[in-house]
């Protein structure tokens, strides 16, 4: 998965969190002729639980997802 935007917040940098990532997943639900999109936004604030690990986990559960 490619990250389209890197988020560098002054408050996070002051706490020593450089290079934190923010990313979003879009889930699409189709019901008859209606389409609903839901966006889930995630932010990496703890480097012990990296965004890349979460993306790999999501891809392992849903292998058909597009990047």
PDB file of N, CA and C in Angstrom:
ATOM      1  N   UNK A   1       0.850  -1.171   0.000  1.00  0.00           N
ATOM      2  CA  UNK A   1       0.000   0.000   0.000  1.00  0.00           C
ATOM      3  C   UNK A   1       0.891   1.227   0.000  1.00  0.00           C
ATOM      4  N   UNK A   2       0.577   2.158  -0.816  1.00  0.00           N
ATOM      5  CA  UNK A   2       1.323   3.401  -0.876  1.00  0.00           C
ATOM      6  C   UNK A   2       0.634   4.448  -0.021  1.00  0.00           C
ATOM      7  N   UNK A   3       1.428   5.210   0.677  1.00  0.00           N
ATOM      8  CA  UNK A   3       0.887   6.283   1.491  1.00  0.00           C
ATOM      9  C   UNK A   3       0.845   7.544   0.652  1.00  0.00           C
ATOM     10  N   UNK A   4      -0.319   8.123   0.520  1.00  0.00           N
ATOM     11  CA  UNK A   4      -0.483   9.294  -0.326  1.00  0.00           C
ATOM     12  C   UNK A   4      -0.095  10.578   0.400  1.00  0.00           C
ATOM     13  N   UNK A   5      -0.067  10.552   1.721  1.00  0.00           N
ATOM     14  CA  UNK A   5       0.186  11.775   2.461  1.00  0.00           C
ATOM     15  C   UNK A   5       0.927  11.434   3.737  1.00  0.00           C
ATOM     16  N   UNK A   6       1.982  12.145   4.013  1.00  0.00           N
ATOM     17  CA  UNK A   6       2.689  11.996   5.284  1.00  0.00           C
ATOM     18  C   UNK A   6       2.314  13.165   6.169  1.00  0.00           C
ATOM     19  N   UNK A   7       1.983  12.869   7.399  1.00  0.00           N
ATOM     20  CA  UNK A   7       1.504  13.873   8.338  1.00  0.00           C
ATOM     21  C   UNK A   7       2.604  14.161   9.340  1.00  0.00           C
ATOM     22  N   UNK A   8       3.078  15.386   9.407  1.00  0.00           N
ATOM     23  CA  UNK A   8       4.069  15.797  10.394  1.00  0.00           C
ATOM     24  C   UNK A   8       3.470  16.907  11.243  1.00  0.00           C
ATOM     25  N   UNK A   9       3.083  16.568  12.436  1.00  0.00           N
ATOM     26  CA  UNK A   9       2.451  17.508  13.341  1.00  0.00           C
ATOM     27  C   UNK A   9       3.492  18.038  14.321  1.00  0.00           C
ATOM     28  N   UNK A  10       3.452  19.321  14.589  1.00  0.00           N
ATOM     29  CA  UNK A  10       4.415  19.929  15.510  1.00  0.00           C
ATOM     30  C   UNK A  10       4.312  19.325  16.906  1.00  0.00           C
ATOM     31  N   UNK A  11       3.094  19.004  17.344  1.00  0.00           N
ATOM     32  CA  UNK A  11       2.924  18.409  18.669  1.00  0.00           C
ATOM     33  C   UNK A  11       3.546  17.019  18.728  1.00  0.00           C
ATOM     34  N   UNK A  12       3.366  16.225  17.675  1.00  0.00           N
ATOM     35  CA  UNK A  12       3.974  14.898  17.648  1.00  0.00           C
ATOM     36  C   UNK A  12       5.489  14.996  17.565  1.00  0.00           C
ATOM     37  N   UNK A  13       6.009  15.938  16.787  1.00  0.00           N
ATOM     38  CA  UNK A  13       7.461  16.104  16.681  1.00  0.00           C
ATOM     39  C   UNK A  13       8.055  16.504  18.015  1.00  0.00           C
ATOM     40  N   UNK A  14       7.349  17.331  18.791  1.00  0.00           N
ATOM     41  CA  UNK A  14       7.865  17.740  20.098  1.00  0.00           C
ATOM     42  C   UNK A  14       7.918  16.562  21.065  1.00  0.00           C
ATOM     43  N   UNK A  15       7.140  15.519  20.794  1.00  0.00           N
ATOM     44  CA  UNK A  15       7.164  14.310  21.621  1.00  0.00           C
ATOM     45  C   UNK A  15       8.118  13.265  21.065  1.00  0.00           C
ATOM     46  N   UNK A  16       8.888  13.631  20.023  1.00  0.00           N
ATOM     47  CA  UNK A  16       9.866  12.713  19.455  1.00  0.00           C
ATOM     48  C   UNK A  16       9.300  11.751  18.440  1.00  0.00           C
ATOM     49  N   UNK A  17       8.135  12.009  17.904  1.00  0.00           N
ATOM     50  CA  UNK A  17       7.503  11.121  16.931  1.00  0.00           C
ATOM     51  C   UNK A  17       7.673  11.695  15.534  1.00  0.00           C
ATOM     52  N   UNK A  18       8.825  11.455  14.938  1.00  0.00           N
ATOM     53  CA  UNK A  18       9.096  11.943  13.592  1.00  0.00           C
ATOM     54  C   UNK A  18       8.634  10.915  12.568  1.00  0.00           C
ATOM     55  N   UNK A  19       8.118  11.386  11.465  1.00  0.00           N
ATOM     56  CA  UNK A  19       7.751  10.493  10.372  1.00  0.00           C
ATOM     57  C   UNK A  19       6.509   9.661  10.620  1.00  0.00           C
ATOM     58  N   UNK A  20       5.607  10.106  11.485  1.00  0.00           N
ATOM     59  CA  UNK A  20       4.354   9.378  11.697  1.00  0.00           C
ATOM     60  C   UNK A  20       3.530   9.417  10.417  1.00  0.00           C
ATOM     61  N   UNK A  21       2.752   8.381  10.206  1.00  0.00           N
ATOM     62  CA  UNK A  21       1.986   8.256   8.964  1.00  0.00           C
ATOM     63  C   UNK A  21       0.494   8.350   9.252  1.00  0.00           C
ATOM     64  N   UNK A  22      -0.225   8.890   8.306  1.00  0.00           N
ATOM     65  CA  UNK A  22      -1.678   8.899   8.352  1.00  0.00           C
ATOM     66  C   UNK A  22      -2.159   8.297   7.036  1.00  0.00           C
ATOM     67  N   UNK A  23      -3.163   7.426   7.111  1.00  0.00           N
ATOM     68  CA  UNK A  23      -3.680   6.802   5.900  1.00  0.00           C
ATOM     69  C   UNK A  23      -5.142   6.472   6.107  1.00  0.00           C
ATOM     70  N   UNK A  24      -5.808   6.170   5.031  1.00  0.00           N
ATOM     71  CA  UNK A  24      -7.242   5.906   5.095  1.00  0.00           C
ATOM     72  C   UNK A  24      -7.596   4.696   4.245  1.00  0.00           C
ATOM     73  N   UNK A  25      -8.642   4.015   4.658  1.00  0.00           N
ATOM     74  CA  UNK A  25      -9.217   2.911   3.898  1.00  0.00           C
ATOM     75  C   UNK A  25     -10.637   3.304   3.516  1.00  0.00           C
ATOM     76  N   UNK A  26     -11.009   3.024   2.299  1.00  0.00           N
ATOM     77  CA  UNK A  26     -12.364   3.306   1.835  1.00  0.00           C
ATOM     78  C   UNK A  26     -13.082   1.980   1.638  1.00  0.00           C
ATOM     79  N   UNK A  27     -14.180   1.808   2.358  1.00  0.00           N
ATOM     80  CA  UNK A  27     -14.992   0.601   2.229  1.00  0.00           C
ATOM     81  C   UNK A  27     -16.253   0.962   1.454  1.00  0.00           C
ATOM     82  N   UNK A  28     -16.539   0.178   0.452  1.00  0.00           N
ATOM     83  CA  UNK A  28     -17.712   0.449  -0.382  1.00  0.00           C
ATOM     84  C   UNK A  28     -18.733  -0.658  -0.179  1.00  0.00           C
ATOM     85  N   UNK A  29     -19.948  -0.253   0.107  1.00  0.00           N
ATOM     86  CA  UNK A  29     -21.042  -1.203   0.293  1.00  0.00           C
ATOM     87  C   UNK A  29     -22.076  -0.930  -0.784  1.00  0.00           C
ATOM     88  N   UNK A  30     -22.450  -1.975  -1.488  1.00  0.00           N
ATOM     89  CA  UNK A  30     -23.436  -1.834  -2.556  1.00  0.00           C
ATOM     90  C   UNK A  30     -24.694  -2.589  -2.164  1.00  0.00           C
ATOM     91  N   UNK A  31     -25.801  -1.889  -2.229  1.00  0.00           N
ATOM     92  CA  UNK A  31     -27.090  -2.485  -1.920  1.00  0.00           C
ATOM     93  C   UNK A  31     -28.060  -2.055  -3.008  1.00  0.00           C
ATOM     94  N   UNK A  32     -28.429  -2.996  -3.832  1.00  0.00           N
ATOM     95  CA  UNK A  32     -29.292  -2.721  -4.977  1.00  0.00           C
ATOM     96  C   UNK A  32     -28.668  -1.625  -5.838  1.00  0.00           C
ATOM     97  N   UNK A  33     -29.306  -0.487  -5.964  1.00  0.00           N
ATOM     98  CA  UNK A  33     -28.758   0.600  -6.786  1.00  0.00           C
ATOM     99  C   UNK A  33     -28.045   1.647  -5.926  1.00  0.00           C
ATOM    100  N   UNK A  34     -28.065   1.470  -4.609  1.00  0.00           N
ATOM    101  CA  UNK A  34     -27.428   2.429  -3.705  1.00  0.00           C
ATOM    102  C   UNK A  34     -25.984   2.025  -3.431  1.00  0.00           C
ATOM    103  N   UNK A  35     -25.130   2.991  -3.344  1.00  0.00           N
ATOM    104  CA  UNK A  35     -23.726   2.756  -3.014  1.00  0.00           C
ATOM    105  C   UNK A  35     -23.358   3.633  -1.822  1.00  0.00           C
ATOM    106  N   UNK A  36     -22.796   3.024  -0.813  1.00  0.00           N
ATOM    107  CA  UNK A  36     -22.330   3.765   0.358  1.00  0.00           C
ATOM    108  C   UNK A  36     -20.827   3.595   0.472  1.00  0.00           C
ATOM    109  N   UNK A  37     -20.137   4.678   0.721  1.00  0.00           N
ATOM    110  CA  UNK A  37     -18.707   4.637   0.976  1.00  0.00           C
ATOM    111  C   UNK A  37     -18.460   5.073   2.409  1.00  0.00           C
ATOM    112  N   UNK A  38     -17.605   4.331   3.092  1.00  0.00           N
ATOM    113  CA  UNK A  38     -17.204   4.666   4.448  1.00  0.00           C
ATOM    114  C   UNK A  38     -15.693   4.797   4.448  1.00  0.00           C
ATOM    115  N   UNK A  39     -15.181   5.860   5.048  1.00  0.00           N
ATOM    116  CA  UNK A  39     -13.742   6.092   5.094  1.00  0.00           C
ATOM    117  C   UNK A  39     -13.268   5.928   6.528  1.00  0.00           C
ATOM    118  N   UNK A  40     -12.258   5.086   6.714  1.00  0.00           N
ATOM    119  CA  UNK A  40     -11.625   4.895   8.006  1.00  0.00           C
ATOM    120  C   UNK A  40     -10.241   5.527   7.936  1.00  0.00           C
ATOM    121  N   UNK A  41      -9.967   6.473   8.821  1.00  0.00           N
ATOM    122  CA  UNK A  41      -8.687   7.179   8.825  1.00  0.00           C
ATOM    123  C   UNK A  41      -7.883   6.706  10.028  1.00  0.00           C
ATOM    124  N   UNK A  42      -6.622   6.348   9.776  1.00  0.00           N
ATOM    125  CA  UNK A  42      -5.722   5.864  10.814  1.00  0.00           C
ATOM    126  C   UNK A  42      -4.501   6.768  10.886  1.00  0.00           C
ATOM    127  N   UNK A  43      -3.939   6.899  12.072  1.00  0.00           N
ATOM    128  CA  UNK A  43      -2.724   7.677  12.257  1.00  0.00           C
ATOM    129  C   UNK A  43      -1.770   6.878  13.131  1.00  0.00           C
ATOM    130  N   UNK A  44      -0.528   6.799  12.702  1.00  0.00           N
ATOM    131  CA  UNK A  44       0.498   6.104  13.467  1.00  0.00           C
ATOM    132  C   UNK A  44       1.059   7.077  14.494  1.00  0.00           C
ATOM    133  N   UNK A  45       0.764   6.843  15.769  1.00  0.00           N
ATOM    134  CA  UNK A  45       1.335   7.691  16.807  1.00  0.00           C
ATOM    135  C   UNK A  45       2.280   6.916  17.711  1.00  0.00           C
ATOM    136  N   UNK A  46       2.298   5.612  17.589  1.00  0.00           N
ATOM    137  CA  UNK A  46       3.209   4.775  18.362  1.00  0.00           C
ATOM    138  C   UNK A  46       4.008   3.936  17.383  1.00  0.00           C
ATOM    139  N   UNK A  47       5.328   4.150  17.342  1.00  0.00           N
ATOM    140  CA  UNK A  47       6.153   3.434  16.373  1.00  0.00           C
ATOM    141  C   UNK A  47       6.242   1.936  16.669  1.00  0.00           C
ATOM    142  N   UNK A  48       5.840   1.516  17.860  1.00  0.00           N
ATOM    143  CA  UNK A  48       5.801   0.083  18.161  1.00  0.00           C
ATOM    144  C   UNK A  48       4.636  -0.600  17.456  1.00  0.00           C
ATOM    145  N   UNK A  49       3.652   0.163  17.047  1.00  0.00           N
ATOM    146  CA  UNK A  49       2.497  -0.345  16.300  1.00  0.00           C
ATOM    147  C   UNK A  49       2.434   0.425  14.992  1.00  0.00           C
ATOM    148  N   UNK A  50       3.293   0.066  14.083  1.00  0.00           N
ATOM    149  CA  UNK A  50       3.459   0.870  12.872  1.00  0.00           C
ATOM    150  C   UNK A  50       2.287   0.709  11.910  1.00  0.00           C
ATOM    151  N   UNK A  51       2.122   1.724  11.090  1.00  0.00           N
ATOM    152  CA  UNK A  51       1.067   1.725  10.083  1.00  0.00           C
ATOM    153  C   UNK A  51       1.305   0.633   9.051  1.00  0.00           C
ATOM    154  N   UNK A  52       2.554   0.381   8.731  1.00  0.00           N
ATOM    155  CA  UNK A  52       2.873  -0.648   7.738  1.00  0.00           C
ATOM    156  C   UNK A  52       2.445  -2.023   8.233  1.00  0.00           C
ATOM    157  N   UNK A  53       2.629  -2.302   9.524  1.00  0.00           N
ATOM    158  CA  UNK A  53       2.182  -3.582  10.076  1.00  0.00           C
ATOM    159  C   UNK A  53       0.668  -3.713   9.983  1.00  0.00           C
ATOM    160  N   UNK A  54      -0.048  -2.631  10.235  1.00  0.00           N
ATOM    161  CA  UNK A  54      -1.506  -2.668  10.133  1.00  0.00           C
ATOM    162  C   UNK A  54      -1.950  -2.909   8.701  1.00  0.00           C
ATOM    163  N   UNK A  55      -1.297  -2.259   7.751  1.00  0.00           N
ATOM    164  CA  UNK A  55      -1.638  -2.455   6.340  1.00  0.00           C
ATOM    165  C   UNK A  55      -1.374  -3.895   5.926  1.00  0.00           C
ATOM    166  N   UNK A  56      -0.260  -4.462   6.346  1.00  0.00           N
ATOM    167  CA  UNK A  56       0.040  -5.869   6.030  1.00  0.00           C
ATOM    168  C   UNK A  56      -1.002  -6.801   6.634  1.00  0.00           C
ATOM    169  N   UNK A  57      -1.433  -6.513   7.864  1.00  0.00           N
ATOM    170  CA  UNK A  57      -2.453  -7.328   8.511  1.00  0.00           C
ATOM    171  C   UNK A  57      -3.769  -7.255   7.742  1.00  0.00           C
ATOM    172  N   UNK A  58      -4.164  -6.060   7.331  1.00  0.00           N
ATOM    173  CA  UNK A  58      -5.409  -5.897   6.578  1.00  0.00           C
ATOM    174  C   UNK A  58      -5.324  -6.636   5.249  1.00  0.00           C
ATOM    175  N   UNK A  59      -4.175  -6.552   4.578  1.00  0.00           N
ATOM    176  CA  UNK A  59      -4.009  -7.272   3.313  1.00  0.00           C
ATOM    177  C   UNK A  59      -4.027  -8.787   3.516  1.00  0.00           C
ATOM    178  N   UNK A  60      -3.564  -9.276   4.665  1.00  0.00           N
ATOM    179  CA  UNK A  60      -3.599 -10.720   4.907  1.00  0.00           C
ATOM    180  C   UNK A  60      -5.028 -11.212   5.124  1.00  0.00           C
ATOM    181  N   UNK A  61      -5.882 -10.374   5.694  1.00  0.00           N
ATOM    182  CA  UNK A  61      -7.274 -10.758   5.922  1.00  0.00           C
ATOM    183  C   UNK A  61      -8.106 -10.582   4.657  1.00  0.00           C
ATOM    184  N   UNK A  62      -7.860  -9.496   3.931  1.00  0.00           N
ATOM    185  CA  UNK A  62      -8.590  -9.182   2.704  1.00  0.00           C
ATOM    186  C   UNK A  62      -7.606  -9.126   1.539  1.00  0.00           C
ATOM    187  N   UNK A  63      -7.186 -10.276   1.016  1.00  0.00           N
ATOM    188  CA  UNK A  63      -6.149 -10.273  -0.027  1.00  0.00           C
ATOM    189  C   UNK A  63      -6.582  -9.629  -1.336  1.00  0.00           C
ATOM    190  N   UNK A  64      -7.863  -9.442  -1.567  1.00  0.00           N
ATOM    191  CA  UNK A  64      -8.327  -8.864  -2.821  1.00  0.00           C
ATOM    192  C   UNK A  64      -8.348  -7.341  -2.836  1.00  0.00           C
ATOM    193  N   UNK A  65      -7.905  -6.703  -1.758  1.00  0.00           N
ATOM    194  CA  UNK A  65      -7.929  -5.241  -1.716  1.00  0.00           C
ATOM    195  C   UNK A  65      -6.933  -4.649  -2.687  1.00  0.00           C
ATOM    196  N   UNK A  66      -7.311  -3.507  -3.237  1.00  0.00           N
ATOM    197  CA  UNK A  66      -6.410  -2.779  -4.130  1.00  0.00           C
ATOM    198  C   UNK A  66      -5.645  -1.751  -3.324  1.00  0.00           C
ATOM    199  N   UNK A  67      -4.437  -1.443  -3.790  1.00  0.00           N
ATOM    200  CA  UNK A  67      -3.626  -0.403  -3.139  1.00  0.00           C
ATOM    201  C   UNK A  67      -4.072   0.953  -3.581  1.00  0.00           C
TER     202      UNK A  67
END
